[in-house]
C-alpha atoms as a PDB file:
ATOM      1  CA  UNK A   1     110.725 331.482 144.145  1.00  0.00           C
ATOM      2  CA  UNK A   2     109.295 328.386 145.814  1.00  0.00           C
ATOM      3  CA  UNK A   3     106.333 326.795 144.063  1.00  0.00           C
ATOM      4  CA  UNK A   4     103.934 324.239 145.580  1.00  0.00           C
ATOM      5  CA  UNK A   5     103.919 322.486 142.202  1.00  0.00           C
ATOM      6  CA  UNK A   6     107.692 321.799 142.121  1.00  0.00           C
ATOM      7  CA  UNK A   7     109.710 319.577 144.464  1.00  0.00           C
ATOM      8  CA  UNK A   8     113.249 318.197 144.626  1.00  0.00           C
ATOM      9  CA  UNK A   9     113.412 314.439 145.243  1.00  0.00           C
ATOM     10  CA  UNK A  10     115.670 313.211 148.027  1.00  0.00           C
ATOM     11  CA  UNK A  11     116.067 310.094 150.153  1.00  0.00           C
ATOM     12  CA  UNK A  12     113.604 311.377 152.750  1.00  0.00           C
ATOM     13  CA  UNK A  13     110.699 312.252 150.470  1.00  0.00           C
ATOM     14  CA  UNK A  14     110.845 310.140 147.310  1.00  0.00           C
ATOM     15  CA  UNK A  15     108.490 307.381 148.524  1.00  0.00           C
ATOM     16  CA  UNK A  16     105.987 309.941 149.775  1.00  0.00           C
ATOM     17  CA  UNK A  17     106.164 311.765 146.416  1.00  0.00           C
ATOM     18  CA  UNK A  18     105.399 308.556 144.528  1.00  0.00           C
ATOM     19  CA  UNK A  19     102.476 307.839 146.868  1.00  0.00           C
ATOM     20  CA  UNK A  20     101.214 311.353 146.200  1.00  0.00           C
ATOM     21  CA  UNK A  21     100.773 310.389 142.540  1.00  0.00           C
ATOM     22  CA  UNK A  22      97.548 308.641 143.609  1.00  0.00           C
ATOM     23  CA  UNK A  23      96.054 312.125 144.022  1.00  0.00           C
ATOM     24  CA  UNK A  24      98.072 314.223 141.559  1.00  0.00           C
ATOM     25  CA  UNK A  25     100.185 313.036 138.599  1.00  0.00           C
ATOM     26  CA  UNK A  26     103.935 313.343 139.244  1.00  0.00           C
ATOM     27  CA  UNK A  27     106.282 314.277 136.404  1.00  0.00           C
ATOM     28  CA  UNK A  28     109.833 313.216 137.342  1.00  0.00           C
ATOM     29  CA  UNK A  29     112.723 314.854 135.505  1.00  0.00           C
ATOM     30  CA  UNK A  30     115.972 312.910 135.856  1.00  0.00           C
ATOM     31  CA  UNK A  31     118.944 315.244 135.393  1.00  0.00           C
ATOM     32  CA  UNK A  32     122.592 315.797 136.267  1.00  0.00           C
ATOM     33  CA  UNK A  33     125.011 318.692 135.859  1.00  0.00           C
ATOM     34  CA  UNK A  34     127.265 316.454 133.767  1.00  0.00           C
ATOM     35  CA  UNK A  35     124.566 316.398 131.077  1.00  0.00           C
ATOM     36  CA  UNK A  36     123.910 320.024 130.019  1.00  0.00           C
ATOM     37  CA  UNK A  37     120.894 319.089 127.906  1.00  0.00           C
ATOM     38  CA  UNK A  38     119.222 317.842 131.094  1.00  0.00           C
ATOM     39  CA  UNK A  39     119.761 321.152 132.915  1.00  0.00           C
ATOM     40  CA  UNK A  40     119.009 323.521 130.043  1.00  0.00           C
ATOM     41  CA  UNK A  41     115.342 322.544 130.027  1.00  0.00           C
ATOM     42  CA  UNK A  42     114.864 323.039 133.793  1.00  0.00           C
ATOM     43  CA  UNK A  43     113.600 326.670 133.560  1.00  0.00           C
ATOM     44  CA  UNK A  44     111.057 325.693 130.884  1.00  0.00           C
ATOM     45  CA  UNK A  45     109.883 322.726 132.974  1.00  0.00           C
ATOM     46  CA  UNK A  46     109.439 324.932 136.034  1.00  0.00           C
ATOM     47  CA  UNK A  47     107.443 327.394 133.969  1.00  0.00           C
ATOM     48  CA  UNK A  48     105.309 324.549 132.601  1.00  0.00           C
ATOM     49  CA  UNK A  49     104.510 323.334 136.122  1.00  0.00           C
ATOM     50  CA  UNK A  50     103.387 326.824 137.140  1.00  0.00           C
ATOM     51  CA  UNK A  51     101.345 327.152 133.953  1.00  0.00           C
ATOM     52  CA  UNK A  52      99.394 323.959 134.744  1.00  0.00           C
ATOM     53  CA  UNK A  53      98.570 325.283 138.236  1.00  0.00           C
ATOM     54  CA  UNK A  54      98.716 322.005 140.111  1.00  0.00           C
ATOM     55  CA  UNK A  55      97.417 319.646 137.419  1.00  0.00           C
ATOM     56  CA  UNK A  56     100.697 317.807 138.001  1.00  0.00           C
ATOM     57  CA  UNK A  57     103.675 318.086 140.350  1.00  0.00           C
ATOM     58  CA  UNK A  58     107.129 318.474 138.841  1.00  0.00           C
ATOM     59  CA  UNK A  59     109.627 316.340 140.795  1.00  0.00           C
ATOM     60  CA  UNK A  60     113.308 316.961 140.021  1.00  0.00           C
ATOM     61  CA  UNK A  61     115.805 314.167 140.649  1.00  0.00           C
ATOM     62  CA  UNK A  62     119.501 315.103 140.576  1.00  0.00           C
ATOM     63  CA  UNK A  63     120.988 311.757 139.585  1.00  0.00           C
ATOM     64  CA  UNK A  64     124.497 312.749 140.725  1.00  0.00           C
ATOM     65  CA  UNK A  65     123.444 313.851 144.201  1.00  0.00           C
ATOM     66  CA  UNK A  66     120.803 311.126 144.579  1.00  0.00           C
ATOM     67  CA  UNK A  67     122.482 308.205 142.801  1.00  0.00           C
ATOM     68  CA  UNK A  68     120.912 305.366 144.852  1.00  0.00           C
ATOM     69  CA  UNK A  69     117.409 306.697 144.200  1.00  0.00           C
ATOM     70  CA  UNK A  70     118.104 307.118 140.476  1.00  0.00           C
ATOM     71  CA  UNK A  71     119.379 303.524 140.369  1.00  0.00           C
ATOM     72  CA  UNK A  72     116.055 302.262 141.750  1.00  0.00           C
ATOM     73  CA  UNK A  73     114.296 303.738 138.722  1.00  0.00           C
ATOM     74  CA  UNK A  74     116.672 302.039 136.283  1.00  0.00           C
ATOM     75  CA  UNK A  75     117.188 305.180 134.213  1.00  0.00           C
ATOM     76  CA  UNK A  76     119.420 304.451 131.196  1.00  0.00           C
ATOM     77  CA  UNK A  77     119.810 307.912 129.664  1.00  0.00           C
ATOM     78  CA  UNK A  78     119.805 311.535 130.785  1.00  0.00           C
ATOM     79  CA  UNK A  79     117.683 313.496 130.561  1.00  0.00           C
ATOM     80  CA  UNK A  80     114.681 311.251 131.128  1.00  0.00           C
ATOM     81  CA  UNK A  81     111.124 312.354 131.824  1.00  0.00           C
ATOM     82  CA  UNK A  82     108.637 309.951 133.439  1.00  0.00           C
ATOM     83  CA  UNK A  83     104.996 310.532 134.345  1.00  0.00           C
ATOM     84  CA  UNK A  84     103.680 308.635 137.379  1.00  0.00           C
ATOM     85  CA  UNK A  85      99.989 308.140 138.152  1.00  0.00           C
ATOM     86  CA  UNK A  86      98.806 305.945 141.037  1.00  0.00           C
ATOM     87  CA  UNK A  87     102.393 304.997 141.801  1.00  0.00           C
ATOM     88  CA  UNK A  88     103.062 303.623 138.307  1.00  0.00           C
ATOM     89  CA  UNK A  89     104.979 305.059 135.355  1.00  0.00           C
ATOM     90  CA  UNK A  90     102.384 305.611 132.615  1.00  0.00           C
ATOM     91  CA  UNK A  91     104.500 307.450 130.052  1.00  0.00           C
ATOM     92  CA  UNK A  92     107.959 308.844 129.518  1.00  0.00           C
ATOM     93  CA  UNK A  93     110.534 310.317 127.176  1.00  0.00           C
ATOM     94  CA  UNK A  94     114.249 309.535 126.965  1.00  0.00           C
ATOM     95  CA  UNK A  95     116.915 311.900 125.701  1.00  0.00           C
ATOM     96  CA  UNK A  96     116.750 315.626 125.004  1.00  0.00           C
ATOM     97  CA  UNK A  97     113.191 316.758 124.286  1.00  0.00           C
ATOM     98  CA  UNK A  98     111.507 320.024 123.396  1.00  0.00           C
ATOM     99  CA  UNK A  99     109.097 321.484 125.928  1.00  0.00           C
ATOM    100  CA  UNK A 100     106.373 321.063 123.280  1.00  0.00           C
ATOM    101  CA  UNK A 101     107.000 317.302 123.148  1.00  0.00           C
ATOM    102  CA  UNK A 102     106.792 317.084 126.931  1.00  0.00           C
ATOM    103  CA  UNK A 103     103.579 319.105 126.954  1.00  0.00           C
ATOM    104  CA  UNK A 104     102.070 316.852 124.275  1.00  0.00           C
ATOM    105  CA  UNK A 105     102.866 313.826 126.432  1.00  0.00           C
ATOM    106  CA  UNK A 106     101.266 315.468 129.481  1.00  0.00           C
ATOM    107  CA  UNK A 107      98.129 316.418 127.588  1.00  0.00           C
ATOM    108  CA  UNK A 108      97.477 312.760 126.759  1.00  0.00           C
ATOM    109  CA  UNK A 109      97.048 312.032 130.471  1.00  0.00           C
ATOM    110  CA  UNK A 110      95.969 315.255 132.185  1.00  0.00           C
ATOM    111  CA  UNK A 111      92.540 316.896 132.206  1.00  0.00           C
ATOM    112  CA  UNK A 112      92.135 319.907 129.922  1.00  0.00           C
ATOM    113  CA  UNK A 113      92.103 323.481 131.241  1.00  0.00           C
ATOM    114  CA  UNK A 114      88.328 323.505 130.741  1.00  0.00           C
ATOM    115  CA  UNK A 115      87.884 320.316 132.775  1.00  0.00           C
ATOM    116  CA  UNK A 116      90.069 321.772 135.526  1.00  0.00           C
ATOM    117  CA  UNK A 117      87.883 324.903 135.554  1.00  0.00           C
ATOM    118  CA  UNK A 118      84.791 322.706 135.833  1.00  0.00           C
ATOM    119  CA  UNK A 119      86.370 320.864 138.761  1.00  0.00           C
ATOM    120  CA  UNK A 120      87.153 324.222 140.354  1.00  0.00           C
ATOM    121  CA  UNK A 121      83.492 325.251 140.022  1.00  0.00           C
ATOM    122  CA  UNK A 122      82.355 322.008 141.677  1.00  0.00           C
ATOM    123  CA  UNK A 123      84.767 322.595 144.567  1.00  0.00           C
ATOM    124  CA  UNK A 124      83.475 326.164 144.910  1.00  0.00           C
ATOM    125  CA  UNK A 125      79.920 324.828 145.135  1.00  0.00           C
ATOM    126  CA  UNK A 126      80.966 322.273 147.748  1.00  0.00           C
ATOM    127  CA  UNK A 127      82.370 325.165 149.792  1.00  0.00           C
ATOM    128  CA  UNK A 128      79.163 327.192 149.422  1.00  0.00           C
ATOM    129  CA  UNK A 129      80.730 329.704 147.011  1.00  0.00           C
ATOM    130  CA  UNK A 130      77.832 329.600 144.550  1.00  0.00           C
ATOM    131  CA  UNK A 131      78.248 333.084 142.983  1.00  0.00           C
ATOM    132  CA  UNK A 132      81.926 332.365 142.273  1.00  0.00           C
ATOM    133  CA  UNK A 133      81.053 328.908 140.925  1.00  0.00           C
ATOM    134  CA  UNK A 134      78.446 330.400 138.589  1.00  0.00           C
ATOM    135  CA  UNK A 135      81.021 332.878 137.244  1.00  0.00           C
ATOM    136  CA  UNK A 136      83.483 330.014 136.685  1.00  0.00           C
ATOM    137  CA  UNK A 137      80.853 327.961 134.848  1.00  0.00           C
ATOM    138  CA  UNK A 138      79.800 330.905 132.674  1.00  0.00           C
ATOM    139  CA  UNK A 139      83.432 331.380 131.628  1.00  0.00           C
ATOM    140  CA  UNK A 140      83.570 327.853 130.176  1.00  0.00           C
ATOM    141  CA  UNK A 141      83.391 327.440 126.384  1.00  0.00           C
ATOM    142  CA  UNK A 142      79.813 327.537 125.055  1.00  0.00           C
ATOM    143  CA  UNK A 143      79.949 323.933 123.841  1.00  0.00           C
ATOM    144  CA  UNK A 144      80.938 322.746 127.322  1.00  0.00           C
ATOM    145  CA  UNK A 145      78.083 324.739 128.865  1.00  0.00           C
ATOM    146  CA  UNK A 146      75.692 322.594 126.812  1.00  0.00           C
ATOM    147  CA  UNK A 147      76.722 319.430 128.661  1.00  0.00           C
ATOM    148  CA  UNK A 148      74.061 318.037 130.969  1.00  0.00           C
ATOM    149  CA  UNK A 149      76.244 317.957 134.079  1.00  0.00           C
ATOM    150  CA  UNK A 150      77.343 321.566 133.532  1.00  0.00           C
ATOM    151  CA  UNK A 151      73.737 322.693 133.064  1.00  0.00           C
ATOM    152  CA  UNK A 152      72.787 320.970 136.316  1.00  0.00           C
ATOM    153  CA  UNK A 153      75.606 322.736 138.173  1.00  0.00           C
ATOM    154  CA  UNK A 154      74.567 326.100 136.709  1.00  0.00           C
ATOM    155  CA  UNK A 155      70.926 325.482 137.634  1.00  0.00           C
ATOM    156  CA  UNK A 156      72.014 324.646 141.184  1.00  0.00           C
ATOM    157  CA  UNK A 157      73.920 327.943 141.441  1.00  0.00           C
ATOM    158  CA  UNK A 158      70.979 329.888 140.009  1.00  0.00           C
ATOM    159  CA  UNK A 159      68.588 328.344 142.531  1.00  0.00           C
ATOM    160  CA  UNK A 160      70.961 329.327 145.336  1.00  0.00           C
ATOM    161  CA  UNK A 161      70.722 332.884 143.982  1.00  0.00           C
ATOM    162  CA  UNK A 162      66.888 332.654 143.889  1.00  0.00           C
ATOM    163  CA  UNK A 163      66.922 332.956 140.092  1.00  0.00           C
ATOM    164  CA  UNK A 164      64.175 330.395 139.631  1.00  0.00           C
ATOM    165  CA  UNK A 165      63.172 331.415 136.104  1.00  0.00           C
ATOM    166  CA  UNK A 166      66.708 331.069 134.707  1.00  0.00           C
ATOM    167  CA  UNK A 167      67.166 327.776 136.571  1.00  0.00           C
ATOM    168  CA  UNK A 168      63.884 326.449 135.170  1.00  0.00           C
ATOM    169  CA  UNK A 169      65.013 327.189 131.605  1.00  0.00           C
ATOM    170  CA  UNK A 170      68.164 325.133 132.152  1.00  0.00           C
ATOM    171  CA  UNK A 171      66.371 322.255 133.868  1.00  0.00           C
ATOM    172  CA  UNK A 172      63.874 322.044 131.010  1.00  0.00           C
ATOM    173  CA  UNK A 173      66.740 321.287 128.598  1.00  0.00           C
ATOM    174  CA  UNK A 174      68.518 318.548 130.587  1.00  0.00           C
ATOM    175  CA  UNK A 175      69.025 315.388 128.457  1.00  0.00           C
ATOM    176  CA  UNK A 176      67.316 312.220 129.683  1.00  0.00           C
ATOM    177  CA  UNK A 177      70.583 310.530 130.693  1.00  0.00           C
ATOM    178  CA  UNK A 178      71.269 313.324 133.215  1.00  0.00           C
ATOM    179  CA  UNK A 179      67.819 313.237 134.820  1.00  0.00           C
ATOM    180  CA  UNK A 180      69.107 311.491 137.944  1.00  0.00           C
ATOM    181  CA  UNK A 181      68.512 312.082 141.660  1.00  0.00           C
ATOM    182  CA  UNK A 182      70.495 315.330 141.506  1.00  0.00           C
ATOM    183  CA  UNK A 183      68.193 316.570 138.745  1.00  0.00           C
ATOM    184  CA  UNK A 184      65.087 315.524 140.694  1.00  0.00           C
ATOM    185  CA  UNK A 185      66.379 317.295 143.796  1.00  0.00           C
ATOM    186  CA  UNK A 186      66.870 320.511 141.837  1.00  0.00           C
ATOM    187  CA  UNK A 187      63.370 320.206 140.388  1.00  0.00           C
ATOM    188  CA  UNK A 188      61.935 319.875 143.900  1.00  0.00           C
ATOM    189  CA  UNK A 189      63.930 322.905 145.024  1.00  0.00           C
ATOM    190  CA  UNK A 190      62.625 324.848 142.026  1.00  0.00           C
ATOM    191  CA  UNK A 191      59.009 324.020 142.891  1.00  0.00           C
ATOM    192  CA  UNK A 192      59.524 325.214 146.466  1.00  0.00           C
ATOM    193  CA  UNK A 193      60.999 328.483 145.211  1.00  0.00           C
ATOM    194  CA  UNK A 194      58.114 328.986 142.791  1.00  0.00           C
ATOM    195  CA  UNK A 195      55.645 328.475 145.623  1.00  0.00           C
ATOM    196  CA  UNK A 196      57.560 330.913 147.839  1.00  0.00           C
ATOM    197  CA  UNK A 197      57.634 333.423 144.988  1.00  0.00           C
ATOM    198  CA  UNK A 198      53.853 333.679 145.234  1.00  0.00           C
ATOM    199  CA  UNK A 199      53.452 333.445 149.000  1.00  0.00           C
ATOM    200  CA  UNK A 200      50.318 334.706 150.827  1.00  0.00           C
ATOM    201  CA  UNK A 201      52.318 337.719 152.043  1.00  0.00           C
ATOM    202  CA  UNK A 202      53.256 338.675 148.488  1.00  0.00           C
ATOM    203  CA  UNK A 203      49.680 338.146 147.305  1.00  0.00           C
ATOM    204  CA  UNK A 204      48.428 340.443 150.088  1.00  0.00           C
ATOM    205  CA  UNK A 205      50.944 343.158 149.216  1.00  0.00           C
ATOM    206  CA  UNK A 206      50.084 342.855 145.516  1.00  0.00           C
ATOM    207  CA  UNK A 207      46.393 343.345 146.280  1.00  0.00           C
ATOM    208  CA  UNK A 208      47.080 346.308 148.569  1.00  0.00           C
ATOM    209  CA  UNK A 209      49.331 347.910 145.961  1.00  0.00           C
ATOM    210  CA  UNK A 210      46.767 347.394 143.189  1.00  0.00           C
ATOM    211  CA  UNK A 211      44.260 349.277 145.336  1.00  0.00           C
ATOM    212  CA  UNK A 212      46.744 352.053 146.148  1.00  0.00           C
ATOM    213  CA  UNK A 213      49.286 352.263 143.275  1.00  0.00           C
ATOM    214  CA  UNK A 214      50.730 355.629 144.372  1.00  0.00           C
ATOM    215  CA  UNK A 215      51.649 354.378 147.856  1.00  0.00           C
ATOM    216  CA  UNK A 216      55.445 354.385 147.724  1.00  0.00           C
ATOM    217  CA  UNK A 217      55.796 352.570 151.064  1.00  0.00           C
ATOM    218  CA  UNK A 218      53.724 349.655 149.776  1.00  0.00           C
ATOM    219  CA  UNK A 219      55.742 349.681 146.539  1.00  0.00           C
ATOM    220  CA  UNK A 220      59.009 349.392 148.469  1.00  0.00           C
ATOM    221  CA  UNK A 221      57.675 346.591 150.682  1.00  0.00           C
ATOM    222  CA  UNK A 222      56.453 344.624 147.667  1.00  0.00           C
ATOM    223  CA  UNK A 223      59.723 345.217 145.777  1.00  0.00           C
ATOM    224  CA  UNK A 224      61.762 343.914 148.716  1.00  0.00           C
ATOM    225  CA  UNK A 225      59.575 340.798 148.939  1.00  0.00           C
ATOM    226  CA  UNK A 226      59.955 340.238 145.194  1.00  0.00           C
ATOM    227  CA  UNK A 227      63.745 340.533 145.541  1.00  0.00           C
ATOM    228  CA  UNK A 228      63.825 337.951 148.323  1.00  0.00           C
ATOM    229  CA  UNK A 229      62.226 335.339 146.042  1.00  0.00           C
ATOM    230  CA  UNK A 230      64.262 336.135 142.926  1.00  0.00           C
ATOM    231  CA  UNK A 231      61.703 338.349 141.179  1.00  0.00           C
ATOM    232  CA  UNK A 232      64.116 341.270 140.833  1.00  0.00           C
ATOM    233  CA  UNK A 233      62.855 342.461 137.449  1.00  0.00           C
ATOM    234  CA  UNK A 234      59.314 342.878 138.789  1.00  0.00           C
ATOM    235  CA  UNK A 235      60.723 344.633 141.859  1.00  0.00           C
ATOM    236  CA  UNK A 236      62.679 347.114 139.758  1.00  0.00           C
ATOM    237  CA  UNK A 237      59.746 347.753 137.421  1.00  0.00           C
ATOM    238  CA  UNK A 238      57.437 348.694 140.307  1.00  0.00           C
ATOM    239  CA  UNK A 239      59.984 351.135 141.701  1.00  0.00           C
ATOM    240  CA  UNK A 240      60.951 352.528 138.297  1.00  0.00           C
ATOM    241  CA  UNK A 241      57.305 353.275 137.544  1.00  0.00           C
ATOM    242  CA  UNK A 242      57.354 355.674 140.516  1.00  0.00           C
ATOM    243  CA  UNK A 243      60.923 356.944 140.191  1.00  0.00           C
ATOM    244  CA  UNK A 244      60.694 358.093 136.582  1.00  0.00           C
ATOM    245  CA  UNK A 245      58.295 360.858 137.614  1.00  0.00           C
ATOM    246  CA  UNK A 246      59.856 361.738 140.987  1.00  0.00           C
ATOM    247  CA  UNK A 247      63.395 360.670 141.875  1.00  0.00           C
ATOM    248  CA  UNK A 248      63.072 361.896 145.461  1.00  0.00           C
ATOM    249  CA  UNK A 249      59.761 360.212 146.226  1.00  0.00           C
ATOM    250  CA  UNK A 250      59.410 359.286 149.891  1.00  0.00           C
ATOM    251  CA  UNK A 251      62.443 361.382 150.863  1.00  0.00           C
ATOM    252  CA  UNK A 252      64.618 359.141 148.706  1.00  0.00           C
ATOM    253  CA  UNK A 253      63.308 355.835 150.107  1.00  0.00           C
ATOM    254  CA  UNK A 254      62.174 354.556 146.702  1.00  0.00           C
ATOM    255  CA  UNK A 255      65.468 355.447 145.033  1.00  0.00           C
ATOM    256  CA  UNK A 256      67.464 353.823 147.863  1.00  0.00           C
ATOM    257  CA  UNK A 257      65.466 350.579 147.577  1.00  0.00           C
ATOM    258  CA  UNK A 258      65.918 350.672 143.788  1.00  0.00           C
ATOM    259  CA  UNK A 259      69.697 351.164 144.100  1.00  0.00           C
ATOM    260  CA  UNK A 260      69.989 348.444 146.763  1.00  0.00           C
ATOM    261  CA  UNK A 261      68.389 345.912 144.401  1.00  0.00           C
ATOM    262  CA  UNK A 262      70.665 346.995 141.544  1.00  0.00           C
ATOM    263  CA  UNK A 263      73.727 346.599 143.788  1.00  0.00           C
ATOM    264  CA  UNK A 264      72.619 343.132 144.897  1.00  0.00           C
ATOM    265  CA  UNK A 265      72.270 342.027 141.262  1.00  0.00           C
ATOM    266  CA  UNK A 266      75.843 343.119 140.511  1.00  0.00           C
ATOM    267  CA  UNK A 267      77.555 344.852 137.607  1.00  0.00           C
ATOM    268  CA  UNK A 268      77.315 342.013 135.100  1.00  0.00           C
ATOM    269  CA  UNK A 269      73.563 341.424 135.387  1.00  0.00           C
ATOM    270  CA  UNK A 270      71.620 342.275 132.201  1.00  0.00           C
ATOM    271  CA  UNK A 271      68.454 343.335 134.060  1.00  0.00           C
ATOM    272  CA  UNK A 272      70.430 345.623 136.371  1.00  0.00           C
ATOM    273  CA  UNK A 273      72.288 347.135 133.394  1.00  0.00           C
ATOM    274  CA  UNK A 274      69.009 347.981 131.662  1.00  0.00           C
ATOM    275  CA  UNK A 275      67.553 349.753 134.675  1.00  0.00           C
ATOM    276  CA  UNK A 276      70.825 351.570 135.363  1.00  0.00           C
ATOM    277  CA  UNK A 277      70.725 352.978 131.824  1.00  0.00           C
ATOM    278  CA  UNK A 278      67.133 354.103 132.348  1.00  0.00           C
ATOM    279  CA  UNK A 279      68.093 355.798 135.612  1.00  0.00           C
ATOM    280  CA  UNK A 280      71.101 357.542 134.048  1.00  0.00           C
ATOM    281  CA  UNK A 281      68.907 358.781 131.193  1.00  0.00           C
ATOM    282  CA  UNK A 282      66.926 360.966 133.588  1.00  0.00           C
ATOM    283  CA  UNK A 283      69.850 361.837 135.870  1.00  0.00           C
ATOM    284  CA  UNK A 284      72.020 363.280 133.094  1.00  0.00           C
END
């Protein structure tokens, strides 16, 4: 099966492949059918390239079929492995090698799986995929999540999800060396969200609801406004206070609003899980 991470070098593409090493490291494997030890490792090398998911490109050079190209590299022994970055050979191995030795050489020059995941999260954010980016960041090892730049990225995602309180907790723990313009921009965004979370419209609805706490229509309106500004827990608590005594209040309007907020929070949200359990406790 064709893989985007594996390419055969020929006269037409070898210069372009070397130029491509400015963006992605290129691992060239020099082989020939006359040297069985150079062909035996090919399946393992292909598997390694797929395993690294684009962290490097595996370029295969058949030295018998492409003799003039092989001569330009001055290869003395087969098999030979050479790693190219920015058009230059930065490391290599001559003679038969285990796949573990090749992987150890690669790991000296390539970013770790965790760093690749962090880069993926940044790209997701750049493409506006903040929920996916937040999931990627939360899957990183705990020690990596403590880094200032990772905390900033997580806070950014949380602010995009209107989770101001969680974002504020992260921003309050950012080390001084990471308190740059990005940090200041997130702080400004947080302040705007906090102001919006207590808008005149919300204050009016809160006052009306305090004066008429059994009015389910007011409760739903206030809950929806709370949800819009990231105050989901308060929204659910208002609705739950009414639902626990009458599940069909307002011809099911209260329950529908409650379930809509739970759905928006998603399956993995701790607040949503708590209120789902409370709902199930009276349903069953």
